[in-house]
């Protein structure tokens, strides 16, 4: 191979390397915009399976002799129908 051919290959490789560096530099920008809580992306990241526990998280409680049938039915309903 002649020197001109070798120089041509090296200059083409140098141009390709510069193009790749420029593409890499512009492709690594950050998102400076802030997202609010109503943004669908923010909501999806906070709750990916779309499961939020209900606000009324009281559980049936009391002593051993205290049985609250309304709370028991509520607890059973939450177990059977999540």
PDB file of N, CA and C in Angstrom:
ATOM      1  N   UNK A   1       0.837  -1.180   0.000  1.00  0.00           N
ATOM      2  CA  UNK A   1       0.000   0.000   0.000  1.00  0.00           C
ATOM      3  C   UNK A   1       0.880   1.241   0.000  1.00  0.00           C
ATOM      4  N   UNK A   2       0.421   2.222  -0.672  1.00  0.00           N
ATOM      5  CA  UNK A   2       1.192   3.455  -0.738  1.00  0.00           C
ATOM      6  C   UNK A   2       0.902   4.337   0.475  1.00  0.00           C
ATOM      7  N   UNK A   3       1.737   5.325   0.655  1.00  0.00           N
ATOM      8  CA  UNK A   3       1.575   6.215   1.804  1.00  0.00           C
ATOM      9  C   UNK A   3       0.292   7.028   1.697  1.00  0.00           C
ATOM     10  N   UNK A   4      -0.094   7.392   0.510  1.00  0.00           N
ATOM     11  CA  UNK A   4      -1.321   8.168   0.326  1.00  0.00           C
ATOM     12  C   UNK A   4      -2.549   7.352   0.736  1.00  0.00           C
ATOM     13  N   UNK A   5      -2.560   6.074   0.459  1.00  0.00           N
ATOM     14  CA  UNK A   5      -3.673   5.209   0.837  1.00  0.00           C
ATOM     15  C   UNK A   5      -3.739   5.059   2.355  1.00  0.00           C
ATOM     16  N   UNK A   6      -2.574   4.891   2.969  1.00  0.00           N
ATOM     17  CA  UNK A   6      -2.519   4.754   4.418  1.00  0.00           C
ATOM     18  C   UNK A   6      -2.971   6.047   5.095  1.00  0.00           C
ATOM     19  N   UNK A   7      -2.520   7.204   4.576  1.00  0.00           N
ATOM     20  CA  UNK A   7      -2.951   8.494   5.120  1.00  0.00           C
ATOM     21  C   UNK A   7      -4.458   8.668   4.955  1.00  0.00           C
ATOM     22  N   UNK A   8      -4.989   8.224   3.852  1.00  0.00           N
ATOM     23  CA  UNK A   8      -6.441   8.324   3.622  1.00  0.00           C
ATOM     24  C   UNK A   8      -7.220   7.504   4.649  1.00  0.00           C
ATOM     25  N   UNK A   9      -6.729   6.305   4.936  1.00  0.00           N
ATOM     26  CA  UNK A   9      -7.402   5.472   5.940  1.00  0.00           C
ATOM     27  C   UNK A   9      -7.317   6.090   7.326  1.00  0.00           C
ATOM     28  N   UNK A  10      -6.136   6.625   7.665  1.00  0.00           N
ATOM     29  CA  UNK A  10      -5.987   7.246   8.986  1.00  0.00           C
ATOM     30  C   UNK A  10      -6.842   8.495   9.120  1.00  0.00           C
ATOM     31  N   UNK A  11      -6.938   9.297   8.059  1.00  0.00           N
ATOM     32  CA  UNK A  11      -7.766  10.504   8.143  1.00  0.00           C
ATOM     33  C   UNK A  11      -9.249  10.135   8.218  1.00  0.00           C
ATOM     34  N   UNK A  12      -9.664   9.091   7.518  1.00  0.00           N
ATOM     35  CA  UNK A  12     -11.064   8.645   7.609  1.00  0.00           C
ATOM     36  C   UNK A  12     -11.364   8.111   9.012  1.00  0.00           C
ATOM     37  N   UNK A  13     -10.413   7.391   9.591  1.00  0.00           N
ATOM     38  CA  UNK A  13     -10.603   6.877  10.938  1.00  0.00           C
ATOM     39  C   UNK A  13     -10.650   8.026  11.947  1.00  0.00           C
ATOM     40  N   UNK A  14      -9.830   9.059  11.739  1.00  0.00           N
ATOM     41  CA  UNK A  14      -9.843  10.211  12.638  1.00  0.00           C
ATOM     42  C   UNK A  14     -11.176  10.954  12.544  1.00  0.00           C
ATOM     43  N   UNK A  15     -11.704  11.114  11.350  1.00  0.00           N
ATOM     44  CA  UNK A  15     -13.001  11.782  11.175  1.00  0.00           C
ATOM     45  C   UNK A  15     -14.105  10.965  11.842  1.00  0.00           C
ATOM     46  N   UNK A  16     -14.085   9.664  11.673  1.00  0.00           N
ATOM     47  CA  UNK A  16     -15.093   8.806  12.300  1.00  0.00           C
ATOM     48  C   UNK A  16     -15.007   8.882  13.822  1.00  0.00           C
ATOM     49  N   UNK A  17     -13.792   8.920  14.348  1.00  0.00           N
ATOM     50  CA  UNK A  17     -13.619   9.016  15.793  1.00  0.00           C
ATOM     51  C   UNK A  17     -14.165  10.337  16.315  1.00  0.00           C
ATOM     52  N   UNK A  18     -13.925  11.423  15.595  1.00  0.00           N
ATOM     53  CA  UNK A  18     -14.448  12.729  16.009  1.00  0.00           C
ATOM     54  C   UNK A  18     -15.971  12.757  15.947  1.00  0.00           C
ATOM     55  N   UNK A  19     -16.537  12.158  14.926  1.00  0.00           N
ATOM     56  CA  UNK A  19     -17.997  12.108  14.815  1.00  0.00           C
ATOM     57  C   UNK A  19     -18.581  11.308  15.964  1.00  0.00           C
ATOM     58  N   UNK A  20     -17.975  10.191  16.306  1.00  0.00           N
ATOM     59  CA  UNK A  20     -18.469   9.367  17.420  1.00  0.00           C
ATOM     60  C   UNK A  20     -18.364  10.118  18.744  1.00  0.00           C
ATOM     61  N   UNK A  21     -17.271  10.855  18.946  1.00  0.00           N
ATOM     62  CA  UNK A  21     -17.123  11.638  20.164  1.00  0.00           C
ATOM     63  C   UNK A  21     -18.183  12.737  20.260  1.00  0.00           C
ATOM     64  N   UNK A  22     -18.461  13.390  19.139  1.00  0.00           N
ATOM     65  CA  UNK A  22     -19.480  14.444  19.143  1.00  0.00           C
ATOM     66  C   UNK A  22     -20.858  13.865  19.409  1.00  0.00           C
ATOM     67  N   UNK A  23     -21.174  12.732  18.802  1.00  0.00           N
ATOM     68  CA  UNK A  23     -22.466  12.103  19.038  1.00  0.00           C
ATOM     69  C   UNK A  23     -22.594  11.652  20.488  1.00  0.00           C
ATOM     70  N   UNK A  24     -21.524  11.137  21.044  1.00  0.00           N
ATOM     71  CA  UNK A  24     -21.550  10.723  22.435  1.00  0.00           C
ATOM     72  C   UNK A  24     -21.707  11.899  23.379  1.00  0.00           C
ATOM     73  N   UNK A  25     -21.080  13.020  23.067  1.00  0.00           N
ATOM     74  CA  UNK A  25     -21.169  14.202  23.928  1.00  0.00           C
ATOM     75  C   UNK A  25     -22.568  14.787  23.901  1.00  0.00           C
ATOM     76  N   UNK A  26     -23.201  14.837  22.736  1.00  0.00           N
ATOM     77  CA  UNK A  26     -24.544  15.401  22.651  1.00  0.00           C
ATOM     78  C   UNK A  26     -25.607  14.420  23.125  1.00  0.00           C
ATOM     79  N   UNK A  27     -25.305  13.155  23.110  1.00  0.00           N
ATOM     80  CA  UNK A  27     -26.273  12.165  23.560  1.00  0.00           C
ATOM     81  C   UNK A  27     -26.337  12.022  25.068  1.00  0.00           C
ATOM     82  N   UNK A  28     -25.393  12.578  25.794  1.00  0.00           N
ATOM     83  CA  UNK A  28     -25.342  12.443  27.254  1.00  0.00           C
ATOM     84  C   UNK A  28     -25.804  13.707  27.955  1.00  0.00           C
ATOM     85  N   UNK A  29     -26.833  14.346  27.465  1.00  0.00           N
ATOM     86  CA  UNK A  29     -27.335  15.542  28.124  1.00  0.00           C
ATOM     87  C   UNK A  29     -28.278  15.146  29.245  1.00  0.00           C
ATOM     88  N   UNK A  30     -28.459  16.025  30.205  1.00  0.00           N
ATOM     89  CA  UNK A  30     -29.358  15.768  31.325  1.00  0.00           C
ATOM     90  C   UNK A  30     -30.673  16.480  31.103  1.00  0.00           C
ATOM     91  N   UNK A  31     -31.696  15.978  31.753  1.00  0.00           N
ATOM     92  CA  UNK A  31     -33.019  16.583  31.678  1.00  0.00           C
ATOM     93  C   UNK A  31     -33.108  17.631  32.775  1.00  0.00           C
ATOM     94  N   UNK A  32     -33.099  18.893  32.398  1.00  0.00           N
ATOM     95  CA  UNK A  32     -33.110  19.952  33.397  1.00  0.00           C
ATOM     96  C   UNK A  32     -34.525  20.335  33.799  1.00  0.00           C
ATOM     97  N   UNK A  33     -35.531  19.833  33.120  1.00  0.00           N
ATOM     98  CA  UNK A  33     -36.906  20.163  33.461  1.00  0.00           C
ATOM     99  C   UNK A  33     -37.370  19.414  34.694  1.00  0.00           C
ATOM    100  N   UNK A  34     -38.144  20.089  35.516  1.00  0.00           N
ATOM    101  CA  UNK A  34     -38.677  19.437  36.700  1.00  0.00           C
ATOM    102  C   UNK A  34     -40.051  18.878  36.395  1.00  0.00           C
ATOM    103  N   UNK A  35     -40.378  17.791  37.044  1.00  0.00           N
ATOM    104  CA  UNK A  35     -41.671  17.164  36.809  1.00  0.00           C
ATOM    105  C   UNK A  35     -42.519  17.321  38.055  1.00  0.00           C
ATOM    106  N   UNK A  36     -43.782  17.563  37.836  1.00  0.00           N
ATOM    107  CA  UNK A  36     -44.670  17.701  38.980  1.00  0.00           C
ATOM    108  C   UNK A  36     -45.330  16.364  39.298  1.00  0.00           C
ATOM    109  N   UNK A  37     -46.095  16.338  40.368  1.00  0.00           N
ATOM    110  CA  UNK A  37     -46.698  15.080  40.825  1.00  0.00           C
ATOM    111  C   UNK A  37     -47.797  14.595  39.884  1.00  0.00           C
ATOM    112  N   UNK A  38     -48.352  15.467  39.046  1.00  0.00           N
ATOM    113  CA  UNK A  38     -49.422  15.064  38.133  1.00  0.00           C
ATOM    114  C   UNK A  38     -48.899  14.449  36.844  1.00  0.00           C
ATOM    115  N   UNK A  39     -47.597  14.460  36.671  1.00  0.00           N
ATOM    116  CA  UNK A  39     -46.995  13.900  35.462  1.00  0.00           C
ATOM    117  C   UNK A  39     -47.172  12.383  35.472  1.00  0.00           C
ATOM    118  N   UNK A  40     -47.656  11.776  34.378  1.00  0.00           N
ATOM    119  CA  UNK A  40     -47.861  10.328  34.353  1.00  0.00           C
ATOM    120  C   UNK A  40     -46.578   9.532  34.596  1.00  0.00           C
ATOM    121  N   UNK A  41     -45.449  10.058  34.146  1.00  0.00           N
ATOM    122  CA  UNK A  41     -44.193   9.348  34.366  1.00  0.00           C
ATOM    123  C   UNK A  41     -43.837   9.325  35.843  1.00  0.00           C
ATOM    124  N   UNK A  42     -44.043  10.430  36.529  1.00  0.00           N
ATOM    125  CA  UNK A  42     -43.754  10.496  37.953  1.00  0.00           C
ATOM    126  C   UNK A  42     -44.671   9.561  38.722  1.00  0.00           C
ATOM    127  N   UNK A  43     -45.954   9.542  38.358  1.00  0.00           N
ATOM    128  CA  UNK A  43     -46.896   8.641  39.027  1.00  0.00           C
ATOM    129  C   UNK A  43     -46.520   7.194  38.777  1.00  0.00           C
ATOM    130  N   UNK A  44     -46.095   6.860  37.573  1.00  0.00           N
ATOM    131  CA  UNK A  44     -45.721   5.471  37.264  1.00  0.00           C
ATOM    132  C   UNK A  44     -44.463   5.053  38.014  1.00  0.00           C
ATOM    133  N   UNK A  45     -43.522   5.959  38.181  1.00  0.00           N
ATOM    134  CA  UNK A  45     -42.311   5.624  38.923  1.00  0.00           C
ATOM    135  C   UNK A  45     -42.599   5.460  40.410  1.00  0.00           C
ATOM    136  N   UNK A  46     -43.551   6.225  40.931  1.00  0.00           N
ATOM    137  CA  UNK A  46     -43.881   6.131  42.355  1.00  0.00           C
ATOM    138  C   UNK A  46     -44.692   4.882  42.656  1.00  0.00           C
ATOM    139  N   UNK A  47     -45.522   4.453  41.713  1.00  0.00           N
ATOM    140  CA  UNK A  47     -46.408   3.318  41.941  1.00  0.00           C
ATOM    141  C   UNK A  47     -46.440   2.461  40.676  1.00  0.00           C
ATOM    142  N   UNK A  48     -45.374   1.680  40.379  1.00  0.00           N
ATOM    143  CA  UNK A  48     -45.269   0.990  39.100  1.00  0.00           C
ATOM    144  C   UNK A  48     -46.330  -0.084  38.869  1.00  0.00           C
ATOM    145  N   UNK A  49     -46.811  -0.722  39.921  1.00  0.00           N
ATOM    146  CA  UNK A  49     -47.814  -1.767  39.752  1.00  0.00           C
ATOM    147  C   UNK A  49     -49.229  -1.224  39.889  1.00  0.00           C
ATOM    148  N   UNK A  50     -49.344   0.090  40.023  1.00  0.00           N
ATOM    149  CA  UNK A  50     -50.621   0.781  40.179  1.00  0.00           C
ATOM    150  C   UNK A  50     -51.411   0.214  41.349  1.00  0.00           C
ATOM    151  N   UNK A  51     -50.705  -0.024  42.437  1.00  0.00           N
ATOM    152  CA  UNK A  51     -51.347  -0.474  43.660  1.00  0.00           C
ATOM    153  C   UNK A  51     -51.006   0.501  44.759  1.00  0.00           C
ATOM    154  N   UNK A  52     -51.995   1.130  45.286  1.00  0.00           N
ATOM    155  CA  UNK A  52     -51.812   2.006  46.432  1.00  0.00           C
ATOM    156  C   UNK A  52     -52.698   1.480  47.539  1.00  0.00           C
ATOM    157  N   UNK A  53     -52.160   1.350  48.734  1.00  0.00           N
ATOM    158  CA  UNK A  53     -53.005   0.875  49.830  1.00  0.00           C
ATOM    159  C   UNK A  53     -54.101   1.886  50.111  1.00  0.00           C
ATOM    160  N   UNK A  54     -55.245   1.430  50.547  1.00  0.00           N
ATOM    161  CA  UNK A  54     -56.339   2.357  50.817  1.00  0.00           C
ATOM    162  C   UNK A  54     -55.988   3.285  51.977  1.00  0.00           C
ATOM    163  N   UNK A  55     -56.640   4.425  52.005  1.00  0.00           N
ATOM    164  CA  UNK A  55     -56.358   5.392  53.056  1.00  0.00           C
ATOM    165  C   UNK A  55     -56.858   4.918  54.417  1.00  0.00           C
ATOM    166  N   UNK A  56     -57.914   4.109  54.421  1.00  0.00           N
ATOM    167  CA  UNK A  56     -58.459   3.616  55.686  1.00  0.00           C
ATOM    168  C   UNK A  56     -57.773   2.298  56.052  1.00  0.00           C
ATOM    169  N   UNK A  57     -56.580   2.403  56.608  1.00  0.00           N
ATOM    170  CA  UNK A  57     -55.774   1.223  56.885  1.00  0.00           C
ATOM    171  C   UNK A  57     -55.957   0.712  58.308  1.00  0.00           C
ATOM    172  N   UNK A  58     -57.084   1.030  58.919  1.00  0.00           N
ATOM    173  CA  UNK A  58     -57.312   0.512  60.266  1.00  0.00           C
ATOM    174  C   UNK A  58     -57.573  -0.990  60.189  1.00  0.00           C
ATOM    175  N   UNK A  59     -57.078  -1.713  61.143  1.00  0.00           N
ATOM    176  CA  UNK A  59     -57.252  -3.156  61.156  1.00  0.00           C
ATOM    177  C   UNK A  59     -58.070  -3.544  62.377  1.00  0.00           C
ATOM    178  N   UNK A  60     -58.638  -4.705  62.291  1.00  0.00           N
ATOM    179  CA  UNK A  60     -59.392  -5.152  63.457  1.00  0.00           C
ATOM    180  C   UNK A  60     -58.428  -5.413  64.597  1.00  0.00           C
ATOM    181  N   UNK A  61     -58.808  -4.978  65.753  1.00  0.00           N
ATOM    182  CA  UNK A  61     -57.888  -5.133  66.873  1.00  0.00           C
ATOM    183  C   UNK A  61     -58.667  -5.306  68.159  1.00  0.00           C
ATOM    184  N   UNK A  62     -57.999  -5.229  69.228  1.00  0.00           N
ATOM    185  CA  UNK A  62     -58.612  -5.385  70.531  1.00  0.00           C
ATOM    186  C   UNK A  62     -57.977  -6.544  71.257  1.00  0.00           C
ATOM    187  N   UNK A  63     -58.576  -6.859  72.373  1.00  0.00           N
ATOM    188  CA  UNK A  63     -58.049  -7.952  73.170  1.00  0.00           C
ATOM    189  C   UNK A  63     -58.492  -9.301  72.635  1.00  0.00           C
ATOM    190  N   UNK A  64     -58.154 -10.348  73.374  1.00  0.00           N
ATOM    191  CA  UNK A  64     -58.493 -11.712  72.960  1.00  0.00           C
ATOM    192  C   UNK A  64     -60.002 -11.939  73.027  1.00  0.00           C
ATOM    193  N   UNK A  65     -60.637 -11.331  73.999  1.00  0.00           N
ATOM    194  CA  UNK A  65     -62.084 -11.541  74.158  1.00  0.00           C
ATOM    195  C   UNK A  65     -62.898 -10.550  73.352  1.00  0.00           C
ATOM    196  N   UNK A  66     -62.266  -9.554  72.722  1.00  0.00           N
ATOM    197  CA  UNK A  66     -62.992  -8.541  71.961  1.00  0.00           C
ATOM    198  C   UNK A  66     -63.037  -8.970  70.496  1.00  0.00           C
ATOM    199  N   UNK A  67     -64.228  -9.234  69.957  1.00  0.00           N
ATOM    200  CA  UNK A  67     -64.372  -9.625  68.552  1.00  0.00           C
ATOM    201  C   UNK A  67     -65.277  -8.611  67.871  1.00  0.00           C
ATOM    202  N   UNK A  68     -64.744  -7.932  66.899  1.00  0.00           N
ATOM    203  CA  UNK A  68     -65.500  -6.934  66.138  1.00  0.00           C
ATOM    204  C   UNK A  68     -65.854  -7.557  64.792  1.00  0.00           C
ATOM    205  N   UNK A  69     -67.100  -7.947  64.633  1.00  0.00           N
ATOM    206  CA  UNK A  69     -67.485  -8.670  63.410  1.00  0.00           C
ATOM    207  C   UNK A  69     -67.417  -7.763  62.188  1.00  0.00           C
ATOM    208  N   UNK A  70     -67.706  -6.469  62.333  1.00  0.00           N
ATOM    209  CA  UNK A  70     -67.631  -5.560  61.191  1.00  0.00           C
ATOM    210  C   UNK A  70     -66.183  -5.456  60.701  1.00  0.00           C
ATOM    211  N   UNK A  71     -65.233  -5.334  61.618  1.00  0.00           N
ATOM    212  CA  UNK A  71     -63.822  -5.265  61.246  1.00  0.00           C
ATOM    213  C   UNK A  71     -63.351  -6.601  60.672  1.00  0.00           C
ATOM    214  N   UNK A  72     -63.864  -7.715  61.210  1.00  0.00           N
ATOM    215  CA  UNK A  72     -63.500  -9.034  60.684  1.00  0.00           C
ATOM    216  C   UNK A  72     -63.963  -9.177  59.239  1.00  0.00           C
ATOM    217  N   UNK A  73     -65.201  -8.765  58.961  1.00  0.00           N
ATOM    218  CA  UNK A  73     -65.715  -8.865  57.582  1.00  0.00           C
ATOM    219  C   UNK A  73     -64.923  -7.945  56.645  1.00  0.00           C
ATOM    220  N   UNK A  74     -64.542  -6.783  57.160  1.00  0.00           N
ATOM    221  CA  UNK A  74     -63.733  -5.866  56.347  1.00  0.00           C
ATOM    222  C   UNK A  74     -62.368  -6.488  56.038  1.00  0.00           C
ATOM    223  N   UNK A  75     -61.742  -7.081  57.045  1.00  0.00           N
ATOM    224  CA  UNK A  75     -60.443  -7.727  56.830  1.00  0.00           C
ATOM    225  C   UNK A  75     -60.544  -8.897  55.864  1.00  0.00           C
ATOM    226  N   UNK A  76     -61.571  -9.699  55.993  1.00  0.00           N
ATOM    227  CA  UNK A  76     -61.766 -10.829  55.080  1.00  0.00           C
ATOM    228  C   UNK A  76     -62.030 -10.349  53.667  1.00  0.00           C
ATOM    229  N   UNK A  77     -62.766  -9.250  53.535  1.00  0.00           N
ATOM    230  CA  UNK A  77     -63.036  -8.700  52.224  1.00  0.00           C
ATOM    231  C   UNK A  77     -61.732  -8.220  51.580  1.00  0.00           C
ATOM    232  N   UNK A  78     -60.841  -7.619  52.369  1.00  0.00           N
ATOM    233  CA  UNK A  78     -59.557  -7.141  51.829  1.00  0.00           C
ATOM    234  C   UNK A  78     -58.651  -8.308  51.453  1.00  0.00           C
ATOM    235  N   UNK A  79     -58.787  -9.435  52.128  1.00  0.00           N
ATOM    236  CA  UNK A  79     -57.973 -10.614  51.794  1.00  0.00           C
ATOM    237  C   UNK A  79     -58.499 -11.278  50.529  1.00  0.00           C
ATOM    238  N   UNK A  80     -59.810 -11.434  50.431  1.00  0.00           N
ATOM    239  CA  UNK A  80     -60.399 -12.140  49.307  1.00  0.00           C
ATOM    240  C   UNK A  80     -60.453 -11.266  48.066  1.00  0.00           C
ATOM    241  N   UNK A  81     -60.747  -9.989  48.227  1.00  0.00           N
ATOM    242  CA  UNK A  81     -60.873  -9.066  47.085  1.00  0.00           C
ATOM    243  C   UNK A  81     -59.841  -7.943  47.203  1.00  0.00           C
ATOM    244  N   UNK A  82     -58.590  -8.195  46.846  1.00  0.00           N
ATOM    245  CA  UNK A  82     -57.576  -7.130  47.003  1.00  0.00           C
ATOM    246  C   UNK A  82     -57.847  -6.105  45.982  1.00  0.00           C
TER     247      UNK A  82
END
